PDB file of all heavy atoms in Angstrom:
ATOM      1  N   GLY A   1    -114.697-117.915  11.569  1.00  0.00           N
ATOM      2  CA  GLY A   1    -113.406-118.482  11.199  1.00  0.00           C
ATOM      3  C   GLY A   1    -113.562-119.938  10.844  1.00  0.00           C
ATOM      4  O   GLY A   1    -114.663-120.478  10.795  1.00  0.00           O
ATOM      5  N   PRO A   2    -112.431-120.593  10.595  1.00  0.00           N
ATOM      6  CA  PRO A   2    -112.495-121.991  10.181  1.00  0.00           C
ATOM      7  C   PRO A   2    -113.050-122.874  11.289  1.00  0.00           C
ATOM      8  O   PRO A   2    -112.800-122.645  12.469  1.00  0.00           O
ATOM      9  CB  PRO A   2    -111.040-122.349   9.865  1.00  0.00           C
ATOM     10  CG  PRO A   2    -110.212-121.298  10.515  1.00  0.00           C
ATOM     11  CD  PRO A   2    -111.086-120.089  10.700  1.00  0.00           C
ATOM     12  N   ASP A   3    -113.833-123.858  10.881  1.00  0.00           N
ATOM     13  CA  ASP A   3    -114.366-124.813  11.854  1.00  0.00           C
ATOM     14  C   ASP A   3    -113.241-125.695  12.363  1.00  0.00           C
ATOM     15  O   ASP A   3    -112.342-126.073  11.628  1.00  0.00           O
ATOM     16  CB  ASP A   3    -115.432-125.705  11.207  1.00  0.00           C
ATOM     17  CG  ASP A   3    -116.696-124.937  10.875  1.00  0.00           C
ATOM     18  OD1 ASP A   3    -116.972-123.933  11.556  1.00  0.00           O
ATOM     19  OD2 ASP A   3    -117.392-125.334   9.932  1.00  0.00           O
ATOM     20  N   GLU A   4    -113.309-126.000  13.650  1.00  0.00           N
ATOM     21  CA  GLU A   4    -112.368-126.953  14.215  1.00  0.00           C
ATOM     22  C   GLU A   4    -112.701-128.333  13.670  1.00  0.00           C
ATOM     23  O   GLU A   4    -113.871-128.692  13.574  1.00  0.00           O
ATOM     24  CB  GLU A   4    -112.487-126.975  15.752  1.00  0.00           C
ATOM     25  CG  GLU A   4    -111.955-125.740  16.420  1.00  0.00           C
ATOM     26  CD  GLU A   4    -110.456-125.616  16.311  1.00  0.00           C
ATOM     27  OE1 GLU A   4    -109.759-126.638  16.462  1.00  0.00           O
ATOM     28  OE2 GLU A   4    -109.980-124.507  16.047  1.00  0.00           O
ATOM     29  N   PRO A   5    -111.684-129.100  13.279  1.00  0.00           N
ATOM     30  CA  PRO A   5    -111.988-130.454  12.801  1.00  0.00           C
ATOM     31  C   PRO A   5    -112.619-131.281  13.911  1.00  0.00           C
ATOM     32  O   PRO A   5    -112.282-131.121  15.075  1.00  0.00           O
ATOM     33  CB  PRO A   5    -110.628-131.017  12.411  1.00  0.00           C
ATOM     34  CG  PRO A   5    -109.610-129.997  12.734  1.00  0.00           C
ATOM     35  CD  PRO A   5    -110.292-128.794  13.300  1.00  0.00           C
ATOM     36  N   GLU A   6    -113.531-132.131  13.538  1.00  0.00           N
ATOM     37  CA  GLU A   6    -114.166-132.996  14.533  1.00  0.00           C
ATOM     38  C   GLU A   6    -113.259-134.183  14.825  1.00  0.00           C
ATOM     39  O   GLU A   6    -112.651-134.740  13.933  1.00  0.00           O
ATOM     40  CB  GLU A   6    -115.519-133.472  14.020  1.00  0.00           C
ATOM     41  CG  GLU A   6    -116.532-132.348  13.983  1.00  0.00           C
ATOM     42  CD  GLU A   6    -117.933-132.863  13.797  1.00  0.00           C
ATOM     43  OE1 GLU A   6    -118.243-133.997  14.221  1.00  0.00           O
ATOM     44  OE2 GLU A   6    -118.733-132.115  13.225  1.00  0.00           O
ATOM     45  N   PHE A   7    -113.183-134.533  16.091  1.00  0.00           N
ATOM     46  CA  PHE A   7    -112.373-135.670  16.504  1.00  0.00           C
ATOM     47  C   PHE A   7    -113.148-136.487  17.525  1.00  0.00           C
ATOM     48  O   PHE A   7    -114.121-136.018  18.105  1.00  0.00           O
ATOM     49  CB  PHE A   7    -111.034-135.204  17.100  1.00  0.00           C
ATOM     50  CG  PHE A   7    -111.200-134.315  18.307  1.00  0.00           C
ATOM     51  CD1 PHE A   7    -111.427-134.849  19.568  1.00  0.00           C
ATOM     52  CD2 PHE A   7    -111.139-132.937  18.173  1.00  0.00           C
ATOM     53  CE1 PHE A   7    -111.595-134.030  20.671  1.00  0.00           C
ATOM     54  CE2 PHE A   7    -111.301-132.099  19.274  1.00  0.00           C
ATOM     55  CZ  PHE A   7    -111.532-132.655  20.516  1.00  0.00           C
ATOM     56  N   THR A   8    -112.690-137.693  17.722  1.00  0.00           N
ATOM     57  CA  THR A   8    -113.220-138.567  18.755  1.00  0.00           C
ATOM     58  C   THR A   8    -112.147-138.707  19.823  1.00  0.00           C
ATOM     59  O   THR A   8    -110.993-139.016  19.509  1.00  0.00           O
ATOM     60  CB  THR A   8    -113.553-139.961  18.181  1.00  0.00           C
ATOM     61  OG1 THR A   8    -114.462-139.803  17.096  1.00  0.00           O
ATOM     62  CG2 THR A   8    -114.159-140.860  19.243  1.00  0.00           C
ATOM     63  N   SER A   9    -112.503-138.444  21.068  1.00  0.00           N
ATOM     64  CA  SER A   9    -111.546-138.588  22.171  1.00  0.00           C
ATOM     65  C   SER A   9    -111.235-140.061  22.420  1.00  0.00           C
ATOM     66  O   SER A   9    -112.122-140.909  22.354  1.00  0.00           O
ATOM     67  CB  SER A   9    -112.104-137.978  23.456  1.00  0.00           C
ATOM     68  OG  SER A   9    -112.222-136.586  23.326  1.00  0.00           O
ATOM     69  N   PHE A  10    -109.973-140.331  22.715  1.00  0.00           N
ATOM     70  CA  PHE A  10    -109.545-141.676  23.094  1.00  0.00           C
ATOM     71  C   PHE A  10    -109.785-141.810  24.590  1.00  0.00           C
ATOM     72  O   PHE A  10    -109.073-141.223  25.398  1.00  0.00           O
ATOM     73  CB  PHE A  10    -108.073-141.881  22.747  1.00  0.00           C
ATOM     74  CG  PHE A  10    -107.513-143.207  23.185  1.00  0.00           C
ATOM     75  CD1 PHE A  10    -108.051-144.390  22.717  1.00  0.00           C
ATOM     76  CD2 PHE A  10    -106.435-143.274  24.053  1.00  0.00           C
ATOM     77  CE1 PHE A  10    -107.540-145.613  23.107  1.00  0.00           C
ATOM     78  CE2 PHE A  10    -105.909-144.488  24.453  1.00  0.00           C
ATOM     79  CZ  PHE A  10    -106.460-145.657  23.986  1.00  0.00           C
ATOM     80  N   ARG A  11    -110.837-142.542  24.949  1.00  0.00           N
ATOM     81  CA  ARG A  11    -111.198-142.767  26.352  1.00  0.00           C
ATOM     82  C   ARG A  11    -111.385-144.258  26.574  1.00  0.00           C
ATOM     83  O   ARG A  11    -112.515-144.762  26.611  1.00  0.00           O
ATOM     84  CB  ARG A  11    -112.487-142.041  26.689  1.00  0.00           C
ATOM     85  CG  ARG A  11    -112.348-140.552  26.648  1.00  0.00           C
ATOM     86  CD  ARG A  11    -113.645-139.910  27.007  1.00  0.00           C
ATOM     87  NE  ARG A  11    -113.434-138.493  27.223  1.00  0.00           N
ATOM     88  CZ  ARG A  11    -114.283-137.716  27.828  1.00  0.00           C
ATOM     89  NH1 ARG A  11    -115.398-138.197  28.303  1.00  0.00           N
ATOM     90  NH2 ARG A  11    -114.022-136.441  27.971  1.00  0.00           N
ATOM     91  N   PRO A  12    -110.290-144.975  26.709  1.00  0.00           N
ATOM     92  CA  PRO A  12    -110.397-146.429  26.825  1.00  0.00           C
ATOM     93  C   PRO A  12    -111.041-146.866  28.127  1.00  0.00           C
ATOM     94  O   PRO A  12    -110.878-146.216  29.164  1.00  0.00           O
ATOM     95  CB  PRO A  12    -108.944-146.885  26.753  1.00  0.00           C
ATOM     96  CG  PRO A  12    -108.176-145.733  27.297  1.00  0.00           C
ATOM     97  CD  PRO A  12    -108.925-144.507  26.861  1.00  0.00           C
ATOM     98  N   GLU A  13    -111.778-147.945  28.044  1.00  0.00           N
ATOM     99  CA  GLU A  13    -112.400-148.527  29.232  1.00  0.00           C
ATOM    100  C   GLU A  13    -111.867-149.925  29.519  1.00  0.00           C
ATOM    101  O   GLU A  13    -111.804-150.335  30.667  1.00  0.00           O
ATOM    102  CB  GLU A  13    -113.917-148.563  29.050  1.00  0.00           C
ATOM    103  CG  GLU A  13    -114.527-147.180  28.964  1.00  0.00           C
ATOM    104  CD  GLU A  13    -116.031-147.216  28.752  1.00  0.00           C
ATOM    105  OE1 GLU A  13    -116.619-148.317  28.782  1.00  0.00           O
ATOM    106  OE2 GLU A  13    -116.617-146.138  28.562  1.00  0.00           O
ATOM    107  N   GLN A  14    -111.497-150.637  28.470  1.00  0.00           N
ATOM    108  CA  GLN A  14    -111.039-152.017  28.617  1.00  0.00           C
ATOM    109  C   GLN A  14    -109.564-152.127  28.258  1.00  0.00           C
ATOM    110  O   GLN A  14    -109.115-151.505  27.288  1.00  0.00           O
ATOM    111  CB  GLN A  14    -111.844-152.948  27.703  1.00  0.00           C
ATOM    112  CG  GLN A  14    -113.329-152.966  27.986  1.00  0.00           C
ATOM    113  CD  GLN A  14    -113.629-153.476  29.380  1.00  0.00           C
ATOM    114  OE1 GLN A  14    -113.018-154.421  29.862  1.00  0.00           O
ATOM    115  NE2 GLN A  14    -114.567-152.834  30.052  1.00  0.00           N
ATOM    116  N   PRO A  15    -108.807-152.941  28.999  1.00  0.00           N
ATOM    117  CA  PRO A  15    -107.407-153.174  28.630  1.00  0.00           C
ATOM    118  C   PRO A  15    -107.317-153.662  27.180  1.00  0.00           C
ATOM    119  O   PRO A  15    -108.155-154.423  26.719  1.00  0.00           O
ATOM    120  CB  PRO A  15    -106.967-154.270  29.601  1.00  0.00           C
ATOM    121  CG  PRO A  15    -107.865-154.105  30.781  1.00  0.00           C
ATOM    122  CD  PRO A  15    -109.190-153.671  30.207  1.00  0.00           C
ATOM    123  N   GLY A  16    -106.313-153.165  26.490  1.00  0.00           N
ATOM    124  CA  GLY A  16    -106.105-153.552  25.100  1.00  0.00           C
ATOM    125  C   GLY A  16    -106.647-152.549  24.107  1.00  0.00           C
ATOM    126  O   GLY A  16    -106.284-152.577  22.929  1.00  0.00           O
ATOM    127  N   GLU A  17    -107.537-151.649  24.542  1.00  0.00           N
ATOM    128  CA  GLU A  17    -108.036-150.631  23.623  1.00  0.00           C
ATOM    129  C   GLU A  17    -106.868-149.728  23.249  1.00  0.00           C
ATOM    130  O   GLU A  17    -106.038-149.374  24.092  1.00  0.00           O
ATOM    131  CB  GLU A  17    -109.154-149.809  24.262  1.00  0.00           C
ATOM    132  CG  GLU A  17    -110.433-150.602  24.449  1.00  0.00           C
ATOM    133  CD  GLU A  17    -111.549-149.753  25.027  1.00  0.00           C
ATOM    134  OE1 GLU A  17    -111.733-148.605  24.588  1.00  0.00           O
ATOM    135  OE2 GLU A  17    -112.219-150.249  25.943  1.00  0.00           O
ATOM    136  N   SER A  18    -106.805-149.357  21.967  1.00  0.00           N
ATOM    137  CA  SER A  18    -105.663-148.578  21.508  1.00  0.00           C
ATOM    138  C   SER A  18    -106.052-147.630  20.387  1.00  0.00           C
ATOM    139  O   SER A  18    -107.134-147.740  19.806  1.00  0.00           O
ATOM    140  CB  SER A  18    -104.552-149.519  21.034  1.00  0.00           C
ATOM    141  OG  SER A  18    -104.989-150.255  19.907  1.00  0.00           O
ATOM    142  N   VAL A  19    -105.131-146.736  20.101  1.00  0.00           N
ATOM    143  CA  VAL A  19    -105.265-145.814  18.978  1.00  0.00           C
ATOM    144  C   VAL A  19    -103.871-145.642  18.388  1.00  0.00           C
ATOM    145  O   VAL A  19    -102.874-145.621  19.118  1.00  0.00           O
ATOM    146  CB  VAL A  19    -105.880-144.463  19.418  1.00  0.00           C
ATOM    147  CG1 VAL A  19    -105.017-143.742  20.408  1.00  0.00           C
ATOM    148  CG2 VAL A  19    -106.163-143.590  18.216  1.00  0.00           C
ATOM    149  N   GLU A  20    -103.822-145.553  17.066  1.00  0.00           N
ATOM    150  CA  GLU A  20    -102.544-145.349  16.384  1.00  0.00           C
ATOM    151  C   GLU A  20    -102.782-144.458  15.181  1.00  0.00           C
ATOM    152  O   GLU A  20    -103.802-144.579  14.501  1.00  0.00           O
ATOM    153  CB  GLU A  20    -101.959-146.679  15.919  1.00  0.00           C
ATOM    154  CG  GLU A  20    -100.644-146.543  15.211  1.00  0.00           C
ATOM    155  CD  GLU A  20    -100.015-147.862  14.817  1.00  0.00           C
ATOM    156  OE1 GLU A  20    -100.562-148.921  15.176  1.00  0.00           O
ATOM    157  OE2 GLU A  20     -98.976-147.823  14.141  1.00  0.00           O
ATOM    158  N   GLY A  21    -101.831-143.562  14.935  1.00  0.00           N
ATOM    159  CA  GLY A  21    -101.975-142.709  13.766  1.00  0.00           C
ATOM    160  C   GLY A  21    -100.826-141.738  13.622  1.00  0.00           C
ATOM    161  O   GLY A  21     -99.834-141.787  14.352  1.00  0.00           O
ATOM    162  N   THR A  22    -100.996-140.835  12.679  1.00  0.00           N
ATOM    163  CA  THR A  22    -100.010-139.803  12.391  1.00  0.00           C
ATOM    164  C   THR A  22    -100.394-138.538  13.156  1.00  0.00           C
ATOM    165  O   THR A  22    -101.546-138.109  13.116  1.00  0.00           O
ATOM    166  CB  THR A  22     -99.983-139.513  10.876  1.00  0.00           C
ATOM    167  OG1 THR A  22     -99.673-140.730  10.192  1.00  0.00           O
ATOM    168  CG2 THR A  22     -98.939-138.469  10.530  1.00  0.00           C
ATOM    169  N   VAL A  23     -99.432-137.965  13.852  1.00  0.00           N
ATOM    170  CA  VAL A  23     -99.673-136.780  14.673  1.00  0.00           C
ATOM    171  C   VAL A  23    -100.069-135.610  13.783  1.00  0.00           C
ATOM    172  O   VAL A  23     -99.390-135.283  12.811  1.00  0.00           O
ATOM    173  CB  VAL A  23     -98.430-136.426  15.515  1.00  0.00           C
ATOM    174  CG1 VAL A  23     -98.628-135.117  16.266  1.00  0.00           C
ATOM    175  CG2 VAL A  23     -98.106-137.568  16.482  1.00  0.00           C
ATOM    176  N   VAL A  24    -101.196-134.989  14.135  1.00  0.00           N
ATOM    177  CA  VAL A  24    -101.714-133.827  13.419  1.00  0.00           C
ATOM    178  C   VAL A  24    -101.457-132.552  14.223  1.00  0.00           C
ATOM    179  O   VAL A  24    -101.023-131.545  13.680  1.00  0.00           O
ATOM    180  CB  VAL A  24    -103.225-133.986  13.130  1.00  0.00           C
ATOM    181  CG1 VAL A  24    -103.797-132.754  12.464  1.00  0.00           C
ATOM    182  CG2 VAL A  24    -103.480-135.226  12.290  1.00  0.00           C
ATOM    183  N   THR A  25    -101.737-132.600  15.524  1.00  0.00           N
ATOM    184  CA  THR A  25    -101.484-131.454  16.408  1.00  0.00           C
ATOM    185  C   THR A  25    -100.946-131.929  17.744  1.00  0.00           C
ATOM    186  O   THR A  25    -101.265-133.032  18.203  1.00  0.00           O
ATOM    187  CB  THR A  25    -102.750-130.601  16.676  1.00  0.00           C
ATOM    188  OG1 THR A  25    -103.715-131.408  17.347  1.00  0.00           O
ATOM    189  CG2 THR A  25    -103.328-130.034  15.399  1.00  0.00           C
ATOM    190  N   VAL A  26    -100.139-131.062  18.365  1.00  0.00           N
ATOM    191  CA  VAL A  26     -99.614-131.297  19.712  1.00  0.00           C
ATOM    192  C   VAL A  26     -99.823-130.006  20.486  1.00  0.00           C
ATOM    193  O   VAL A  26     -99.414-128.933  20.044  1.00  0.00           O
ATOM    194  CB  VAL A  26     -98.109-131.645  19.689  1.00  0.00           C
ATOM    195  CG1 VAL A  26     -97.590-131.869  21.104  1.00  0.00           C
ATOM    196  CG2 VAL A  26     -97.836-132.855  18.815  1.00  0.00           C
ATOM    197  N   SER A  27    -100.488-130.106  21.622  1.00  0.00           N
ATOM    198  CA  SER A  27    -100.712-128.934  22.460  1.00  0.00           C
ATOM    199  C   SER A  27    -100.804-129.394  23.911  1.00  0.00           C
ATOM    200  O   SER A  27    -100.457-130.523  24.233  1.00  0.00           O
ATOM    201  CB  SER A  27    -101.986-128.194  22.029  1.00  0.00           C
ATOM    202  OG  SER A  27    -103.110-129.034  22.177  1.00  0.00           O
ATOM    203  N   SER A  28    -101.287-128.519  24.765  1.00  0.00           N
ATOM    204  CA  SER A  28    -101.487-128.897  26.166  1.00  0.00           C
ATOM    205  C   SER A  28    -102.679-128.118  26.701  1.00  0.00           C
ATOM    206  O   SER A  28    -103.130-127.146  26.111  1.00  0.00           O
ATOM    207  CB  SER A  28    -100.239-128.616  26.994  1.00  0.00           C
ATOM    208  OG  SER A  28     -99.975-127.243  27.040  1.00  0.00           O
ATOM    209  N   THR A  29    -103.174-128.593  27.821  1.00  0.00           N
ATOM    210  CA  THR A  29    -104.278-127.941  28.505  1.00  0.00           C
ATOM    211  C   THR A  29    -103.990-127.989  29.996  1.00  0.00           C
ATOM    212  O   THR A  29    -102.966-128.538  30.415  1.00  0.00           O
ATOM    213  CB  THR A  29    -105.628-128.610  28.148  1.00  0.00           C
ATOM    214  OG1 THR A  29    -106.698-127.810  28.647  1.00  0.00           O
ATOM    215  CG2 THR A  29    -105.741-130.017  28.698  1.00  0.00           C
ATOM    216  N   THR A  30    -104.877-127.432  30.784  1.00  0.00           N
ATOM    217  CA  THR A  30    -104.710-127.448  32.232  1.00  0.00           C
ATOM    218  C   THR A  30    -105.757-128.360  32.858  1.00  0.00           C
ATOM    219  O   THR A  30    -106.719-128.759  32.208  1.00  0.00           O
ATOM    220  CB  THR A  30    -104.848-126.030  32.820  1.00  0.00           C
ATOM    221  OG1 THR A  30    -106.135-125.516  32.466  1.00  0.00           O
ATOM    222  CG2 THR A  30    -103.770-125.112  32.279  1.00  0.00           C
ATOM    223  N   SER A  31    -105.540-128.660  34.112  1.00  0.00           N
ATOM    224  CA  SER A  31    -106.463-129.502  34.853  1.00  0.00           C
ATOM    225  C   SER A  31    -106.553-128.990  36.284  1.00  0.00           C
ATOM    226  O   SER A  31    -105.568-128.475  36.822  1.00  0.00           O
ATOM    227  CB  SER A  31    -105.952-130.953  34.845  1.00  0.00           C
ATOM    228  OG  SER A  31    -106.679-131.740  35.767  1.00  0.00           O
ATOM    229  N   ASP A  32    -107.705-129.175  36.891  1.00  0.00           N
ATOM    230  CA  ASP A  32    -107.878-128.808  38.293  1.00  0.00           C
ATOM    231  C   ASP A  32    -107.147-129.778  39.226  1.00  0.00           C
ATOM    232  O   ASP A  32    -107.008-129.503  40.413  1.00  0.00           O
ATOM    233  CB  ASP A  32    -109.365-128.803  38.670  1.00  0.00           C
ATOM    234  CG  ASP A  32    -110.128-127.696  37.979  1.00  0.00           C
ATOM    235  OD1 ASP A  32    -109.501-126.694  37.556  1.00  0.00           O
ATOM    236  OD2 ASP A  32    -111.361-127.828  37.838  1.00  0.00           O
ATOM    237  N   TYR A  33    -106.690-130.900  38.689  1.00  0.00           N
ATOM    238  CA  TYR A  33    -106.123-131.960  39.521  1.00  0.00           C
ATOM    239  C   TYR A  33    -104.600-131.995  39.532  1.00  0.00           C
ATOM    240  O   TYR A  33    -104.007-132.783  40.259  1.00  0.00           O
ATOM    241  CB  TYR A  33    -106.666-133.315  39.069  1.00  0.00           C
ATOM    242  CG  TYR A  33    -108.170-133.366  39.175  1.00  0.00           C
ATOM    243  CD1 TYR A  33    -108.967-133.207  38.050  1.00  0.00           C
ATOM    244  CD2 TYR A  33    -108.799-133.531  40.400  1.00  0.00           C
ATOM    245  CE1 TYR A  33    -110.346-133.232  38.142  1.00  0.00           C
ATOM    246  CE2 TYR A  33    -110.179-133.549  40.509  1.00  0.00           C
ATOM    247  CZ  TYR A  33    -110.943-133.398  39.376  1.00  0.00           C
ATOM    248  OH  TYR A  33    -112.309-133.409  39.469  1.00  0.00           O
ATOM    249  N   THR A  34    -103.966-131.184  38.686  1.00  0.00           N
ATOM    250  CA  THR A  34    -102.507-131.167  38.662  1.00  0.00           C
ATOM    251  C   THR A  34    -102.022-129.791  38.230  1.00  0.00           C
ATOM    252  O   THR A  34    -102.717-129.081  37.502  1.00  0.00           O
ATOM    253  CB  THR A  34    -101.935-132.240  37.700  1.00  0.00           C
ATOM    254  OG1 THR A  34    -100.515-132.170  37.711  1.00  0.00           O
ATOM    255  CG2 THR A  34    -102.435-132.053  36.285  1.00  0.00           C
TER     256      THR A  34
END
């Protein structure tokens, strides 16, 4: 099937790091912590 588009995760380490753009997809996932 179609390849998933490649993306870079937003994982900031320093205050002030940011990301801005146009929303392409909105979904959700689960976590063991909540």
